[in-house]
Amino acid sequence: MGRIAGVTAAETRERLLRAAAEVFARRGYDGTRVADIAAAAGVSNGALYAHFGSKAELLVAALDAHGPLLLAKLFAADPDQSIADLLVVVGSGLSRRRDARGYLVVEALVAARRDEDVARPMRDYVGERAGWLAGLVRAAQNDGELDDALSPDALSHFCLLLAMGSAIVTPDLHAVDDEEWTALLTRVVAALAPADTTAQRGAPP
């Protein structure tokens, strides 16, 4: 059950996740029926339920599968790069964000406010990312890049607010100059450095 002829269960699951991401982003959580996702994936409703227990579970699974952290990908590609530099690089792109994943994040966040079935897995989703970011902050603090007096949990929460807020306040609602936004982020990230490092940066050559 839940299999497409000639296709593995893993491939069917991936097809469902891809279809769910597209349909939820286009129609919204409330406007999407399970049958819509099954049809978009080319499977029956029964095949969908063989992989996912509910529409809420499918929403969060789609977000998890098709919304990898850009910061995590950049860090994996170059683990020796400064965390502070990575924060600026990733943050710089938030002001012009127009990706489908952003629409999916918005749908999940709004649905979580109204539906406890969505809220439960979204707490895990957000908590997992907050934990990963906090771990990255701690590593940067150990390396002397970030002030160890800062709370890793608070800083990771701040990063999440920026990232998820950018999915709501998109450029078509309010735009900001790219250079001005990057300059602001650079100043903010520089302020997170240890006090002695900040003083050295401000000292004359």
C-alpha atoms as a PDB file:
ATOM      1  CA  MET A   1       0.000   0.000   0.000  1.00  0.00           C
ATOM      2  CA  GLY A   2       1.254   3.535  -0.724  1.00  0.00           C
ATOM      3  CA  ARG A   3       3.446   2.385  -3.610  1.00  0.00           C
ATOM      4  CA  ILE A   4       3.377   3.514  -7.237  1.00  0.00           C
ATOM      5  CA  ALA A   5       4.057   0.787  -9.795  1.00  0.00           C
ATOM      6  CA  GLY A   6       7.790   0.648 -10.476  1.00  0.00           C
ATOM      7  CA  VAL A   7       8.544   3.302  -7.854  1.00  0.00           C
ATOM      8  CA  THR A   8      10.001   2.700  -4.396  1.00  0.00           C
ATOM      9  CA  ALA A   9       8.296   3.811  -1.196  1.00  0.00           C
ATOM     10  CA  ALA A  10      11.051   6.397  -0.667  1.00  0.00           C
ATOM     11  CA  GLU A  11      10.490   7.828  -4.139  1.00  0.00           C
ATOM     12  CA  THR A  12       6.734   7.971  -3.572  1.00  0.00           C
ATOM     13  CA  ARG A  13       7.288   9.827  -0.305  1.00  0.00           C
ATOM     14  CA  GLU A  14       9.576  12.327  -2.020  1.00  0.00           C
ATOM     15  CA  ARG A  15       7.009  12.843  -4.770  1.00  0.00           C
ATOM     16  CA  LEU A  16       4.351  13.560  -2.143  1.00  0.00           C
ATOM     17  CA  LEU A  17       6.591  16.011  -0.286  1.00  0.00           C
ATOM     18  CA  ARG A  18       7.431  17.876  -3.477  1.00  0.00           C
ATOM     19  CA  ALA A  19       3.752  18.082  -4.459  1.00  0.00           C
ATOM     20  CA  ALA A  20       2.765  19.190  -0.959  1.00  0.00           C
ATOM     21  CA  ALA A  21       5.322  22.009  -0.949  1.00  0.00           C
ATOM     22  CA  GLU A  22       4.011  23.303  -4.275  1.00  0.00           C
ATOM     23  CA  VAL A  23       0.300  22.996  -3.464  1.00  0.00           C
ATOM     24  CA  PHE A  24       0.518  24.427   0.065  1.00  0.00           C
ATOM     25  CA  ALA A  25       2.565  27.399  -1.182  1.00  0.00           C
ATOM     26  CA  ARG A  26       0.065  28.066  -3.970  1.00  0.00           C
ATOM     27  CA  ARG A  27      -3.273  27.439  -2.217  1.00  0.00           C
ATOM     28  CA  GLY A  28      -2.451  27.867   1.450  1.00  0.00           C
ATOM     29  CA  TYR A  29      -2.951  25.358   4.238  1.00  0.00           C
ATOM     30  CA  ASP A  30      -6.682  25.922   4.708  1.00  0.00           C
ATOM     31  CA  GLY A  31      -7.333  25.979   0.961  1.00  0.00           C
ATOM     32  CA  THR A  32      -5.553  22.688   0.340  1.00  0.00           C
ATOM     33  CA  ARG A  33      -7.211  19.280   0.572  1.00  0.00           C
ATOM     34  CA  VAL A  34      -5.335  16.023   0.955  1.00  0.00           C
ATOM     35  CA  ALA A  35      -6.895  14.980  -2.360  1.00  0.00           C
ATOM     36  CA  ASP A  36      -5.270  18.008  -4.044  1.00  0.00           C
ATOM     37  CA  ILE A  37      -1.815  16.902  -2.954  1.00  0.00           C
ATOM     38  CA  ALA A  38      -2.437  13.261  -3.866  1.00  0.00           C
ATOM     39  CA  ALA A  39      -3.602  14.320  -7.339  1.00  0.00           C
ATOM     40  CA  ALA A  40      -0.598  16.601  -7.828  1.00  0.00           C
ATOM     41  CA  ALA A  41       1.694  13.704  -6.867  1.00  0.00           C
ATOM     42  CA  GLY A  42      -0.177  11.260  -9.094  1.00  0.00           C
ATOM     43  CA  VAL A  43      -1.150   8.921  -6.254  1.00  0.00           C
ATOM     44  CA  SER A  44      -4.341   7.909  -4.465  1.00  0.00           C
ATOM     45  CA  ASN A  45      -5.470   9.318  -1.110  1.00  0.00           C
ATOM     46  CA  GLY A  46      -4.737   5.904   0.377  1.00  0.00           C
ATOM     47  CA  ALA A  47      -1.170   6.027  -0.878  1.00  0.00           C
ATOM     48  CA  LEU A  48      -0.732   9.432   0.752  1.00  0.00           C
ATOM     49  CA  TYR A  49      -2.055   8.212   4.097  1.00  0.00           C
ATOM     50  CA  ALA A  50       0.302   5.247   3.949  1.00  0.00           C
ATOM     51  CA  HIS A  51       3.138   7.765   4.321  1.00  0.00           C
ATOM     52  CA  PHE A  52       1.581  10.624   6.325  1.00  0.00           C
ATOM     53  CA  GLY A  53      -1.040  10.484   9.032  1.00  0.00           C
ATOM     54  CA  SER A  54      -2.555  13.922   8.450  1.00  0.00           C
ATOM     55  CA  LYS A  55      -2.446  17.108   6.405  1.00  0.00           C
ATOM     56  CA  ALA A  56      -0.673  18.837   9.305  1.00  0.00           C
ATOM     57  CA  GLU A  57       2.048  16.189   9.399  1.00  0.00           C
ATOM     58  CA  LEU A  58       2.512  16.517   5.656  1.00  0.00           C
ATOM     59  CA  LEU A  59       2.823  20.315   5.853  1.00  0.00           C
ATOM     60  CA  VAL A  60       5.651  20.225   8.368  1.00  0.00           C
ATOM     61  CA  ALA A  61       7.341  17.294   6.607  1.00  0.00           C
ATOM     62  CA  ALA A  62       7.271  19.249   3.328  1.00  0.00           C
ATOM     63  CA  LEU A  63       8.756  22.296   5.040  1.00  0.00           C
ATOM     64  CA  ASP A  64      11.448  20.159   6.640  1.00  0.00           C
ATOM     65  CA  ALA A  65      12.318  18.378   3.393  1.00  0.00           C
ATOM     66  CA  HIS A  66      12.259  21.377   1.052  1.00  0.00           C
ATOM     67  CA  GLY A  67      13.413  24.095   3.382  1.00  0.00           C
ATOM     68  CA  PRO A  68      17.041  23.354   4.290  1.00  0.00           C
ATOM     69  CA  LEU A  69      18.859  26.103   6.131  1.00  0.00           C
ATOM     70  CA  LEU A  70      21.011  28.108   3.724  1.00  0.00           C
ATOM     71  CA  LEU A  71      23.328  28.816   6.639  1.00  0.00           C
ATOM     72  CA  ALA A  72      23.789  25.084   7.220  1.00  0.00           C
ATOM     73  CA  LYS A  73      24.564  24.476   3.546  1.00  0.00           C
ATOM     74  CA  LEU A  74      27.117  27.293   3.433  1.00  0.00           C
ATOM     75  CA  PHE A  75      28.734  26.109   6.654  1.00  0.00           C
ATOM     76  CA  ALA A  76      28.974  22.545   5.341  1.00  0.00           C
ATOM     77  CA  ALA A  77      30.555  23.822   2.108  1.00  0.00           C
ATOM     78  CA  ASP A  78      33.189  25.867   3.969  1.00  0.00           C
ATOM     79  CA  PRO A  79      33.403  24.938   7.679  1.00  0.00           C
ATOM     80  CA  ASP A  80      36.483  27.138   8.138  1.00  0.00           C
ATOM     81  CA  GLN A  81      34.664  30.324   7.156  1.00  0.00           C
ATOM     82  CA  SER A  82      33.935  32.795   9.945  1.00  0.00           C
ATOM     83  CA  ILE A  83      30.486  32.342  11.487  1.00  0.00           C
ATOM     84  CA  ALA A  84      30.135  36.116  11.605  1.00  0.00           C
ATOM     85  CA  ASP A  85      30.784  36.318   7.858  1.00  0.00           C
ATOM     86  CA  LEU A  86      28.250  33.549   7.217  1.00  0.00           C
ATOM     87  CA  LEU A  87      25.610  35.418   9.207  1.00  0.00           C
ATOM     88  CA  VAL A  88      26.138  38.516   7.074  1.00  0.00           C
ATOM     89  CA  VAL A  89      26.064  36.526   3.804  1.00  0.00           C
ATOM     90  CA  VAL A  90      22.827  34.735   4.681  1.00  0.00           C
ATOM     91  CA  GLY A  91      21.206  37.793   6.234  1.00  0.00           C
ATOM     92  CA  SER A  92      22.007  39.937   3.192  1.00  0.00           C
ATOM     93  CA  GLY A  93      19.712  37.817   1.047  1.00  0.00           C
ATOM     94  CA  LEU A  94      16.726  38.124   3.386  1.00  0.00           C
ATOM     95  CA  SER A  95      15.727  41.587   2.182  1.00  0.00           C
ATOM     96  CA  ARG A  96      15.045  40.307  -1.339  1.00  0.00           C
ATOM     97  CA  ARG A  97      13.605  36.911  -0.472  1.00  0.00           C
ATOM     98  CA  ARG A  98      11.004  35.624  -2.936  1.00  0.00           C
ATOM     99  CA  ASP A  99      11.315  31.836  -2.736  1.00  0.00           C
ATOM    100  CA  ALA A 100       8.576  29.211  -2.543  1.00  0.00           C
ATOM    101  CA  ARG A 101       9.958  27.964   0.767  1.00  0.00           C
ATOM    102  CA  GLY A 102       9.164  31.373   2.244  1.00  0.00           C
ATOM    103  CA  TYR A 103       5.509  30.980   1.290  1.00  0.00           C
ATOM    104  CA  LEU A 104       5.512  27.527   2.859  1.00  0.00           C
ATOM    105  CA  VAL A 105       6.987  28.888   6.107  1.00  0.00           C
ATOM    106  CA  VAL A 106       4.252  31.531   6.274  1.00  0.00           C
ATOM    107  CA  GLU A 107       1.524  28.934   5.756  1.00  0.00           C
ATOM    108  CA  ALA A 108       2.984  26.715   8.471  1.00  0.00           C
ATOM    109  CA  LEU A 109       3.351  29.575  10.963  1.00  0.00           C
ATOM    110  CA  VAL A 110      -0.180  30.883  10.379  1.00  0.00           C
ATOM    111  CA  ALA A 111      -1.686  27.395  10.541  1.00  0.00           C
ATOM    112  CA  ALA A 112       0.208  26.705  13.777  1.00  0.00           C
ATOM    113  CA  ARG A 113      -1.538  29.661  15.429  1.00  0.00           C
ATOM    114  CA  ARG A 114      -4.957  28.155  14.689  1.00  0.00           C
ATOM    115  CA  ASP A 115      -4.376  24.406  14.650  1.00  0.00           C
ATOM    116  CA  GLU A 116      -2.707  22.478  17.463  1.00  0.00           C
ATOM    117  CA  ASP A 117      -2.114  19.572  15.067  1.00  0.00           C
ATOM    118  CA  VAL A 118       0.212  21.887  13.136  1.00  0.00           C
ATOM    119  CA  ALA A 119       1.601  23.641  16.203  1.00  0.00           C
ATOM    120  CA  ARG A 120       2.980  20.441  17.732  1.00  0.00           C
ATOM    121  CA  PRO A 121       5.270  19.443  14.832  1.00  0.00           C
ATOM    122  CA  MET A 122       6.127  23.111  14.168  1.00  0.00           C
ATOM    123  CA  ARG A 123       7.481  23.415  17.713  1.00  0.00           C
ATOM    124  CA  ASP A 124       9.820  20.544  16.917  1.00  0.00           C
ATOM    125  CA  TYR A 125      10.725  22.080  13.546  1.00  0.00           C
ATOM    126  CA  VAL A 126      11.532  25.496  15.007  1.00  0.00           C
ATOM    127  CA  GLY A 127      13.188  24.002  18.075  1.00  0.00           C
ATOM    128  CA  GLU A 128      15.498  21.857  15.982  1.00  0.00           C
ATOM    129  CA  ARG A 129      16.665  24.867  13.976  1.00  0.00           C
ATOM    130  CA  ALA A 130      17.022  27.030  17.061  1.00  0.00           C
ATOM    131  CA  GLY A 131      19.147  24.327  18.661  1.00  0.00           C
ATOM    132  CA  TRP A 132      21.363  24.043  15.585  1.00  0.00           C
ATOM    133  CA  LEU A 133      21.877  27.817  15.482  1.00  0.00           C
ATOM    134  CA  ALA A 134      22.606  27.967  19.210  1.00  0.00           C
ATOM    135  CA  GLY A 135      25.227  25.258  18.755  1.00  0.00           C
ATOM    136  CA  LEU A 136      26.804  27.279  15.963  1.00  0.00           C
ATOM    137  CA  VAL A 137      26.886  30.342  18.221  1.00  0.00           C
ATOM    138  CA  ARG A 138      28.567  28.353  21.001  1.00  0.00           C
ATOM    139  CA  ALA A 139      31.209  27.125  18.555  1.00  0.00           C
ATOM    140  CA  ALA A 140      31.849  30.711  17.444  1.00  0.00           C
ATOM    141  CA  GLN A 141      32.116  31.803  21.071  1.00  0.00           C
ATOM    142  CA  ASN A 142      34.649  29.058  21.780  1.00  0.00           C
ATOM    143  CA  ASP A 143      36.680  30.282  18.798  1.00  0.00           C
ATOM    144  CA  GLY A 144      36.559  33.871  20.047  1.00  0.00           C
ATOM    145  CA  GLU A 145      34.429  35.128  17.138  1.00  0.00           C
ATOM    146  CA  LEU A 146      31.390  36.040  19.234  1.00  0.00           C
ATOM    147  CA  ASP A 147      31.149  37.491  22.736  1.00  0.00           C
ATOM    148  CA  ASP A 148      30.733  34.619  25.204  1.00  0.00           C
ATOM    149  CA  ALA A 149      28.538  36.858  27.381  1.00  0.00           C
ATOM    150  CA  LEU A 150      25.792  36.581  24.745  1.00  0.00           C
ATOM    151  CA  SER A 151      23.061  34.001  25.213  1.00  0.00           C
ATOM    152  CA  PRO A 152      23.276  31.429  22.375  1.00  0.00           C
ATOM    153  CA  ASP A 153      19.550  30.765  22.735  1.00  0.00           C
ATOM    154  CA  ALA A 154      18.668  34.459  22.514  1.00  0.00           C
ATOM    155  CA  LEU A 155      20.910  35.015  19.490  1.00  0.00           C
ATOM    156  CA  SER A 156      19.538  31.966  17.685  1.00  0.00           C
ATOM    157  CA  HIS A 157      16.015  33.236  18.409  1.00  0.00           C
ATOM    158  CA  PHE A 158      16.959  36.623  16.939  1.00  0.00           C
ATOM    159  CA  CYS A 159      18.226  34.919  13.757  1.00  0.00           C
ATOM    160  CA  LEU A 160      15.017  32.893  13.464  1.00  0.00           C
ATOM    161  CA  LEU A 161      12.902  36.021  13.841  1.00  0.00           C
ATOM    162  CA  LEU A 162      14.818  37.702  11.009  1.00  0.00           C
ATOM    163  CA  ALA A 163      14.599  34.653   8.741  1.00  0.00           C
ATOM    164  CA  MET A 164      10.921  33.939   9.324  1.00  0.00           C
ATOM    165  CA  GLY A 165       9.982  37.604   9.303  1.00  0.00           C
ATOM    166  CA  SER A 166      11.583  37.957   5.872  1.00  0.00           C
ATOM    167  CA  ALA A 167       9.133  35.356   4.572  1.00  0.00           C
ATOM    168  CA  ILE A 168       6.264  37.630   5.631  1.00  0.00           C
ATOM    169  CA  VAL A 169       7.607  41.102   4.779  1.00  0.00           C
ATOM    170  CA  THR A 170       8.615  40.372   1.197  1.00  0.00           C
ATOM    171  CA  PRO A 171      10.109  42.951  -1.232  1.00  0.00           C
ATOM    172  CA  ASP A 172       6.763  43.485  -2.932  1.00  0.00           C
ATOM    173  CA  LEU A 173       5.381  44.740   0.412  1.00  0.00           C
ATOM    174  CA  HIS A 174       8.419  46.759   1.469  1.00  0.00           C
ATOM    175  CA  ALA A 175      11.818  46.947  -0.178  1.00  0.00           C
ATOM    176  CA  VAL A 176      15.125  48.221   1.182  1.00  0.00           C
ATOM    177  CA  ASP A 177      18.361  49.052  -0.595  1.00  0.00           C
ATOM    178  CA  ASP A 178      20.633  45.976  -0.662  1.00  0.00           C
ATOM    179  CA  GLU A 179      23.798  47.887   0.197  1.00  0.00           C
ATOM    180  CA  GLU A 180      22.151  49.706   3.088  1.00  0.00           C
ATOM    181  CA  TRP A 181      20.721  46.451   4.459  1.00  0.00           C
ATOM    182  CA  THR A 182      24.097  44.682   4.238  1.00  0.00           C
ATOM    183  CA  ALA A 183      25.828  47.637   5.899  1.00  0.00           C
ATOM    184  CA  LEU A 184      23.360  47.457   8.789  1.00  0.00           C
ATOM    185  CA  LEU A 185      23.831  43.700   9.203  1.00  0.00           C
ATOM    186  CA  THR A 186      27.619  44.085   9.115  1.00  0.00           C
ATOM    187  CA  ARG A 187      27.382  46.661  11.906  1.00  0.00           C
ATOM    188  CA  VAL A 188      25.074  44.435  13.970  1.00  0.00           C
ATOM    189  CA  VAL A 189      27.266  41.342  13.568  1.00  0.00           C
ATOM    190  CA  ALA A 190      30.401  43.356  14.407  1.00  0.00           C
ATOM    191  CA  ALA A 191      28.723  44.402  17.664  1.00  0.00           C
ATOM    192  CA  LEU A 192      28.412  40.718  18.613  1.00  0.00           C
ATOM    193  CA  ALA A 193      32.190  40.275  18.686  1.00  0.00           C
ATOM    194  CA  PRO A 194      34.081  40.162  21.999  1.00  0.00           C
ATOM    195  CA  ALA A 195      34.620  43.624  23.487  1.00  0.00           C
ATOM    196  CA  ASP A 196      38.409  43.585  23.043  1.00  0.00           C
ATOM    197  CA  THR A 197      38.015  42.599  19.371  1.00  0.00           C
ATOM    198  CA  THR A 198      35.505  45.397  18.794  1.00  0.00           C
ATOM    199  CA  ALA A 199      37.864  47.887  20.415  1.00  0.00           C
ATOM    200  CA  GLN A 200      40.735  46.712  18.221  1.00  0.00           C
ATOM    201  CA  ARG A 201      38.604  47.137  15.096  1.00  0.00           C
ATOM    202  CA  GLY A 202      37.764  50.677  16.086  1.00  0.00           C
ATOM    203  CA  ALA A 203      41.347  51.618  16.948  1.00  0.00           C
ATOM    204  CA  PRO A 204      43.395  53.670  14.476  1.00  0.00           C
ATOM    205  CA  PRO A 205      46.063  51.736  12.499  1.00  0.00           C
END
